């Protein structure tokens, strides 16, 4: 858990640096394209077929929109603020999980109290920054909500699918959406990032 949290924070730092120069959708495009070969190398051994295609499609849709919101928020908020706001996600997962996975996932009344306290905490955190921070803060809150749904779909997929296979198809979905949108926004193939930014983009992908 500690290693995962450290890796997640490091990725957020890389994203914030990349967002200073690139649009959110372009960072997503590079993240998916650069990450795909690595994930494919390991995922191919277990096979790439998926049984729950519907759940995978929902996971890709919500995961993509959550990532877009997250990368957008990273530009206007500090790493600490984004990390704090996205701490809402586990609470939201506890709320959404019973609706998707059944009553066995139902939490106690304390979950609802934690949710209220979490949103109040976000409001207090964003209040001093109403001019700019509120906009980016709302992007971060939206990311938490969307990511919660994506996480619940992951729980469902985990019952029958190999985790690496799910990650592979998620990256494929990201690439299918983000690459064409990047080309459309740029009016063609965009200029390549400067050399010094490539290690940062690799950090976003790994």
C-alpha atoms as a PDB file:
ATOM      1  CA  UNK A   1       0.000   0.000   0.000  1.00  0.00           C
ATOM      2  CA  UNK A   2       2.816   2.411   0.898  1.00  0.00           C
ATOM      3  CA  UNK A   3       4.662   1.675  -2.358  1.00  0.00           C
ATOM      4  CA  UNK A   4       1.446   2.066  -4.376  1.00  0.00           C
ATOM      5  CA  UNK A   5       0.670   5.390  -2.700  1.00  0.00           C
ATOM      6  CA  UNK A   6       4.211   6.636  -3.357  1.00  0.00           C
ATOM      7  CA  UNK A   7       4.015   5.576  -7.023  1.00  0.00           C
ATOM      8  CA  UNK A   8       0.631   7.291  -7.405  1.00  0.00           C
ATOM      9  CA  UNK A   9       1.972  10.530  -5.906  1.00  0.00           C
ATOM     10  CA  UNK A  10       5.038  10.361  -8.153  1.00  0.00           C
ATOM     11  CA  UNK A  11       2.830   9.909 -11.219  1.00  0.00           C
ATOM     12  CA  UNK A  12       0.784  12.946 -10.176  1.00  0.00           C
ATOM     13  CA  UNK A  13       3.998  14.950  -9.973  1.00  0.00           C
ATOM     14  CA  UNK A  14       4.972  13.858 -13.493  1.00  0.00           C
ATOM     15  CA  UNK A  15       1.493  14.725 -14.767  1.00  0.00           C
ATOM     16  CA  UNK A  16       1.669  18.191 -13.229  1.00  0.00           C
ATOM     17  CA  UNK A  17       4.996  18.880 -14.953  1.00  0.00           C
ATOM     18  CA  UNK A  18       3.676  17.590 -18.297  1.00  0.00           C
ATOM     19  CA  UNK A  19       0.472  19.632 -17.988  1.00  0.00           C
ATOM     20  CA  UNK A  20       2.518  22.830 -17.830  1.00  0.00           C
ATOM     21  CA  UNK A  21       3.285  22.299 -21.524  1.00  0.00           C
ATOM     22  CA  UNK A  22       0.686  19.902 -22.951  1.00  0.00           C
ATOM     23  CA  UNK A  23      -3.132  19.650 -22.943  1.00  0.00           C
ATOM     24  CA  UNK A  24      -4.669  16.978 -20.720  1.00  0.00           C
ATOM     25  CA  UNK A  25      -5.868  14.894 -23.676  1.00  0.00           C
ATOM     26  CA  UNK A  26      -2.371  14.867 -25.200  1.00  0.00           C
ATOM     27  CA  UNK A  27      -0.804  13.701 -21.929  1.00  0.00           C
ATOM     28  CA  UNK A  28      -3.363  10.877 -21.851  1.00  0.00           C
ATOM     29  CA  UNK A  29      -2.458   9.980 -25.438  1.00  0.00           C
ATOM     30  CA  UNK A  30       1.246   9.745 -24.631  1.00  0.00           C
ATOM     31  CA  UNK A  31       0.514   7.832 -21.426  1.00  0.00           C
ATOM     32  CA  UNK A  32      -1.494   5.198 -23.284  1.00  0.00           C
ATOM     33  CA  UNK A  33       0.797   4.858 -26.305  1.00  0.00           C
ATOM     34  CA  UNK A  34       3.998   4.680 -24.252  1.00  0.00           C
ATOM     35  CA  UNK A  35       2.509   2.301 -21.695  1.00  0.00           C
ATOM     36  CA  UNK A  36       0.907  -0.152 -24.128  1.00  0.00           C
ATOM     37  CA  UNK A  37       4.067  -2.036 -25.233  1.00  0.00           C
ATOM     38  CA  UNK A  38       5.100  -2.714 -21.625  1.00  0.00           C
ATOM     39  CA  UNK A  39       1.670  -3.923 -20.555  1.00  0.00           C
ATOM     40  CA  UNK A  40       1.204  -6.007 -23.727  1.00  0.00           C
ATOM     41  CA  UNK A  41       4.526  -7.795 -23.128  1.00  0.00           C
ATOM     42  CA  UNK A  42       3.315  -9.120 -19.776  1.00  0.00           C
ATOM     43  CA  UNK A  43      -0.418  -9.423 -20.516  1.00  0.00           C
ATOM     44  CA  UNK A  44      -0.025 -11.560 -23.662  1.00  0.00           C
ATOM     45  CA  UNK A  45       1.120 -14.549 -21.626  1.00  0.00           C
ATOM     46  CA  UNK A  46      -2.229 -14.808 -19.872  1.00  0.00           C
ATOM     47  CA  UNK A  47      -4.280 -14.176 -22.995  1.00  0.00           C
ATOM     48  CA  UNK A  48      -6.115 -11.026 -23.981  1.00  0.00           C
ATOM     49  CA  UNK A  49      -9.686 -12.319 -24.182  1.00  0.00           C
ATOM     50  CA  UNK A  50     -12.264 -10.767 -21.883  1.00  0.00           C
ATOM     51  CA  UNK A  51     -15.521 -12.387 -20.746  1.00  0.00           C
ATOM     52  CA  UNK A  52     -17.231  -9.321 -19.276  1.00  0.00           C
ATOM     53  CA  UNK A  53     -17.003  -6.971 -22.244  1.00  0.00           C
ATOM     54  CA  UNK A  54     -19.820  -4.745 -21.037  1.00  0.00           C
ATOM     55  CA  UNK A  55     -18.181  -4.150 -17.663  1.00  0.00           C
ATOM     56  CA  UNK A  56     -14.870  -3.521 -19.417  1.00  0.00           C
ATOM     57  CA  UNK A  57     -16.483  -0.917 -21.696  1.00  0.00           C
ATOM     58  CA  UNK A  58     -17.961   0.870 -18.681  1.00  0.00           C
ATOM     59  CA  UNK A  59     -14.599   0.726 -16.922  1.00  0.00           C
ATOM     60  CA  UNK A  60     -12.865   2.271 -19.945  1.00  0.00           C
ATOM     61  CA  UNK A  61     -15.488   5.017 -20.328  1.00  0.00           C
ATOM     62  CA  UNK A  62     -15.478   6.061 -16.682  1.00  0.00           C
ATOM     63  CA  UNK A  63     -11.734   5.533 -16.343  1.00  0.00           C
ATOM     64  CA  UNK A  64     -11.020   7.778 -19.323  1.00  0.00           C
ATOM     65  CA  UNK A  65     -13.280  10.595 -18.145  1.00  0.00           C
ATOM     66  CA  UNK A  66     -11.894  10.295 -14.606  1.00  0.00           C
ATOM     67  CA  UNK A  67      -8.337  10.529 -15.925  1.00  0.00           C
ATOM     68  CA  UNK A  68      -9.190  13.554 -18.080  1.00  0.00           C
ATOM     69  CA  UNK A  69     -10.692  15.325 -15.053  1.00  0.00           C
ATOM     70  CA  UNK A  70      -7.717  14.308 -12.918  1.00  0.00           C
ATOM     71  CA  UNK A  71      -5.124  15.540 -15.403  1.00  0.00           C
ATOM     72  CA  UNK A  72      -7.079  18.784 -15.835  1.00  0.00           C
ATOM     73  CA  UNK A  73      -7.154  19.340 -12.065  1.00  0.00           C
ATOM     74  CA  UNK A  74      -3.418  18.669 -11.820  1.00  0.00           C
ATOM     75  CA  UNK A  75      -2.643  21.836 -13.756  1.00  0.00           C
ATOM     76  CA  UNK A  76      -4.347  24.233 -11.343  1.00  0.00           C
ATOM     77  CA  UNK A  77      -3.952  22.566  -7.942  1.00  0.00           C
ATOM     78  CA  UNK A  78      -0.951  21.545  -5.909  1.00  0.00           C
ATOM     79  CA  UNK A  79      -0.046  17.866  -5.673  1.00  0.00           C
ATOM     80  CA  UNK A  80      -1.102  17.930  -2.015  1.00  0.00           C
ATOM     81  CA  UNK A  81      -4.533  19.424  -2.774  1.00  0.00           C
ATOM     82  CA  UNK A  82      -5.276  16.975  -5.589  1.00  0.00           C
ATOM     83  CA  UNK A  83      -4.200  14.062  -3.402  1.00  0.00           C
ATOM     84  CA  UNK A  84      -6.421  15.218  -0.539  1.00  0.00           C
ATOM     85  CA  UNK A  85      -9.494  15.722  -2.715  1.00  0.00           C
ATOM     86  CA  UNK A  86      -9.123  12.365  -4.441  1.00  0.00           C
ATOM     87  CA  UNK A  87      -9.129  10.697  -1.012  1.00  0.00           C
ATOM     88  CA  UNK A  88     -12.914  10.882  -1.475  1.00  0.00           C
ATOM     89  CA  UNK A  89     -12.726   7.978  -3.923  1.00  0.00           C
ATOM     90  CA  UNK A  90     -12.647   5.084  -1.398  1.00  0.00           C
ATOM     91  CA  UNK A  91     -15.675   6.545   0.381  1.00  0.00           C
ATOM     92  CA  UNK A  92     -17.542   6.882  -2.912  1.00  0.00           C
ATOM     93  CA  UNK A  93     -16.609   3.309  -3.820  1.00  0.00           C
ATOM     94  CA  UNK A  94     -18.292   2.144  -0.623  1.00  0.00           C
ATOM     95  CA  UNK A  95     -21.442   4.009  -1.679  1.00  0.00           C
ATOM     96  CA  UNK A  96     -21.487   2.811  -5.309  1.00  0.00           C
ATOM     97  CA  UNK A  97     -20.378  -0.807  -4.764  1.00  0.00           C
ATOM     98  CA  UNK A  98     -23.700  -2.104  -3.321  1.00  0.00           C
ATOM     99  CA  UNK A  99     -25.566  -0.682  -6.325  1.00  0.00           C
ATOM    100  CA  UNK A 100     -23.365  -2.595  -8.779  1.00  0.00           C
ATOM    101  CA  UNK A 101     -22.081  -5.630  -6.881  1.00  0.00           C
ATOM    102  CA  UNK A 102     -25.038  -6.364  -4.626  1.00  0.00           C
ATOM    103  CA  UNK A 103     -26.034  -5.993  -0.986  1.00  0.00           C
ATOM    104  CA  UNK A 104     -23.060  -7.980   0.235  1.00  0.00           C
ATOM    105  CA  UNK A 105     -20.965  -4.869  -0.427  1.00  0.00           C
ATOM    106  CA  UNK A 106     -23.214  -2.585   1.621  1.00  0.00           C
ATOM    107  CA  UNK A 107     -21.349  -0.488   4.190  1.00  0.00           C
ATOM    108  CA  UNK A 108     -22.463   0.828   7.557  1.00  0.00           C
ATOM    109  CA  UNK A 109     -24.023   4.190   8.308  1.00  0.00           C
ATOM    110  CA  UNK A 110     -20.541   5.458   9.020  1.00  0.00           C
ATOM    111  CA  UNK A 111     -19.854   5.458   5.285  1.00  0.00           C
ATOM    112  CA  UNK A 112     -22.449   8.172   4.717  1.00  0.00           C
ATOM    113  CA  UNK A 113     -21.038  10.215   7.588  1.00  0.00           C
ATOM    114  CA  UNK A 114     -17.553   9.855   6.116  1.00  0.00           C
ATOM    115  CA  UNK A 115     -18.883  10.971   2.724  1.00  0.00           C
ATOM    116  CA  UNK A 116     -20.436  14.121   4.202  1.00  0.00           C
ATOM    117  CA  UNK A 117     -17.281  14.902   6.173  1.00  0.00           C
ATOM    118  CA  UNK A 118     -15.210  14.345   3.028  1.00  0.00           C
ATOM    119  CA  UNK A 119     -17.232  16.793   0.941  1.00  0.00           C
ATOM    120  CA  UNK A 120     -17.187  19.367   3.753  1.00  0.00           C
ATOM    121  CA  UNK A 121     -13.421  18.952   3.898  1.00  0.00           C
ATOM    122  CA  UNK A 122     -13.175  19.585   0.146  1.00  0.00           C
ATOM    123  CA  UNK A 123     -15.283  22.736   0.507  1.00  0.00           C
ATOM    124  CA  UNK A 124     -13.011  24.023   3.286  1.00  0.00           C
ATOM    125  CA  UNK A 125      -9.928  23.161   1.241  1.00  0.00           C
ATOM    126  CA  UNK A 126     -11.180  25.022  -1.832  1.00  0.00           C
ATOM    127  CA  UNK A 127     -12.770  28.014  -0.086  1.00  0.00           C
ATOM    128  CA  UNK A 128      -9.577  30.138   0.063  1.00  0.00           C
ATOM    129  CA  UNK A 129      -9.041  29.616  -3.693  1.00  0.00           C
ATOM    130  CA  UNK A 130     -12.460  30.488  -5.090  1.00  0.00           C
ATOM    131  CA  UNK A 131     -11.009  32.496  -7.972  1.00  0.00           C
ATOM    132  CA  UNK A 132      -9.040  29.660  -9.608  1.00  0.00           C
ATOM    133  CA  UNK A 133      -8.912  26.740  -7.219  1.00  0.00           C
ATOM    134  CA  UNK A 134     -12.655  26.129  -7.251  1.00  0.00           C
ATOM    135  CA  UNK A 135     -12.684  25.335 -10.978  1.00  0.00           C
ATOM    136  CA  UNK A 136      -9.792  22.904 -10.752  1.00  0.00           C
ATOM    137  CA  UNK A 137     -11.081  21.584  -7.435  1.00  0.00           C
ATOM    138  CA  UNK A 138     -14.372  20.655  -9.064  1.00  0.00           C
ATOM    139  CA  UNK A 139     -12.428  18.798 -11.746  1.00  0.00           C
ATOM    140  CA  UNK A 140     -10.705  16.849  -8.956  1.00  0.00           C
ATOM    141  CA  UNK A 141     -14.022  16.060  -7.238  1.00  0.00           C
ATOM    142  CA  UNK A 142     -15.491  14.929 -10.575  1.00  0.00           C
ATOM    143  CA  UNK A 143     -12.452  12.715 -11.064  1.00  0.00           C
ATOM    144  CA  UNK A 144     -13.068  11.062  -7.686  1.00  0.00           C
ATOM    145  CA  UNK A 145     -16.723  10.369  -8.497  1.00  0.00           C
ATOM    146  CA  UNK A 146     -15.974   8.925 -11.930  1.00  0.00           C
ATOM    147  CA  UNK A 147     -12.982   6.941 -10.659  1.00  0.00           C
ATOM    148  CA  UNK A 148     -15.171   5.390  -7.959  1.00  0.00           C
ATOM    149  CA  UNK A 149     -17.466   3.920 -10.618  1.00  0.00           C
ATOM    150  CA  UNK A 150     -14.445   2.722 -12.612  1.00  0.00           C
ATOM    151  CA  UNK A 151     -13.017   1.083  -9.483  1.00  0.00           C
ATOM    152  CA  UNK A 152     -16.260  -0.758  -8.778  1.00  0.00           C
ATOM    153  CA  UNK A 153     -16.193  -2.060 -12.362  1.00  0.00           C
ATOM    154  CA  UNK A 154     -12.651  -3.261 -11.682  1.00  0.00           C
ATOM    155  CA  UNK A 155     -13.914  -5.164  -8.654  1.00  0.00           C
ATOM    156  CA  UNK A 156     -16.510  -6.839 -10.866  1.00  0.00           C
ATOM    157  CA  UNK A 157     -13.994  -7.609 -13.613  1.00  0.00           C
ATOM    158  CA  UNK A 158     -11.601  -9.036 -11.041  1.00  0.00           C
ATOM    159  CA  UNK A 159     -13.945 -11.967 -10.481  1.00  0.00           C
ATOM    160  CA  UNK A 160     -13.285 -13.400 -13.950  1.00  0.00           C
ATOM    161  CA  UNK A 161     -10.530 -11.437 -15.697  1.00  0.00           C
ATOM    162  CA  UNK A 162      -6.756 -11.265 -15.437  1.00  0.00           C
ATOM    163  CA  UNK A 163      -5.706  -7.841 -14.048  1.00  0.00           C
ATOM    164  CA  UNK A 164      -3.059  -7.298 -16.731  1.00  0.00           C
ATOM    165  CA  UNK A 165      -5.607  -8.043 -19.457  1.00  0.00           C
ATOM    166  CA  UNK A 166      -7.926  -5.402 -18.022  1.00  0.00           C
ATOM    167  CA  UNK A 167      -5.085  -2.868 -17.862  1.00  0.00           C
ATOM    168  CA  UNK A 168      -4.111  -3.653 -21.462  1.00  0.00           C
ATOM    169  CA  UNK A 169      -7.607  -3.057 -22.824  1.00  0.00           C
ATOM    170  CA  UNK A 170      -7.966   0.053 -20.695  1.00  0.00           C
ATOM    171  CA  UNK A 171      -4.858   1.518 -22.319  1.00  0.00           C
ATOM    172  CA  UNK A 172      -6.169   0.497 -25.739  1.00  0.00           C
ATOM    173  CA  UNK A 173      -9.400   2.338 -24.968  1.00  0.00           C
ATOM    174  CA  UNK A 174      -7.492   5.407 -23.835  1.00  0.00           C
ATOM    175  CA  UNK A 175      -5.456   5.402 -27.045  1.00  0.00           C
ATOM    176  CA  UNK A 176      -8.506   4.897 -29.286  1.00  0.00           C
ATOM    177  CA  UNK A 177     -10.132   8.006 -27.811  1.00  0.00           C
ATOM    178  CA  UNK A 178      -7.226  10.291 -26.951  1.00  0.00           C
ATOM    179  CA  UNK A 179      -5.071   9.937 -30.074  1.00  0.00           C
ATOM    180  CA  UNK A 180      -7.788  10.978 -32.591  1.00  0.00           C
ATOM    181  CA  UNK A 181      -8.923  13.833 -30.325  1.00  0.00           C
ATOM    182  CA  UNK A 182      -5.323  15.032 -30.044  1.00  0.00           C
ATOM    183  CA  UNK A 183      -4.953  14.979 -33.839  1.00  0.00           C
ATOM    184  CA  UNK A 184      -8.218  16.878 -34.281  1.00  0.00           C
ATOM    185  CA  UNK A 185      -7.295  19.516 -31.690  1.00  0.00           C
ATOM    186  CA  UNK A 186      -3.873  20.042 -33.248  1.00  0.00           C
ATOM    187  CA  UNK A 187      -5.242  20.108 -36.801  1.00  0.00           C
ATOM    188  CA  UNK A 188      -2.893  17.269 -37.708  1.00  0.00           C
ATOM    189  CA  UNK A 189       0.093  15.605 -36.099  1.00  0.00           C
ATOM    190  CA  UNK A 190       1.159  17.839 -33.172  1.00  0.00           C
ATOM    191  CA  UNK A 191       4.750  18.904 -32.669  1.00  0.00           C
ATOM    192  CA  UNK A 192       6.713  16.419 -30.602  1.00  0.00           C
ATOM    193  CA  UNK A 193       7.471  17.415 -27.009  1.00  0.00           C
ATOM    194  CA  UNK A 194      10.931  18.761 -26.244  1.00  0.00           C
ATOM    195  CA  UNK A 195      13.540  16.149 -25.347  1.00  0.00           C
ATOM    196  CA  UNK A 196      13.532  17.031 -21.664  1.00  0.00           C
ATOM    197  CA  UNK A 197       9.829  16.232 -21.372  1.00  0.00           C
ATOM    198  CA  UNK A 198      10.073  12.636 -22.602  1.00  0.00           C
ATOM    199  CA  UNK A 199      11.300  11.224 -19.255  1.00  0.00           C
ATOM    200  CA  UNK A 200       8.362  12.980 -17.612  1.00  0.00           C
ATOM    201  CA  UNK A 201       5.912  11.418 -20.075  1.00  0.00           C
ATOM    202  CA  UNK A 202       7.479   8.008 -19.451  1.00  0.00           C
ATOM    203  CA  UNK A 203       6.932   8.625 -15.758  1.00  0.00           C
ATOM    204  CA  UNK A 204       3.259   9.326 -16.479  1.00  0.00           C
ATOM    205  CA  UNK A 205       2.999   6.023 -18.342  1.00  0.00           C
ATOM    206  CA  UNK A 206       4.658   3.703 -15.835  1.00  0.00           C
END
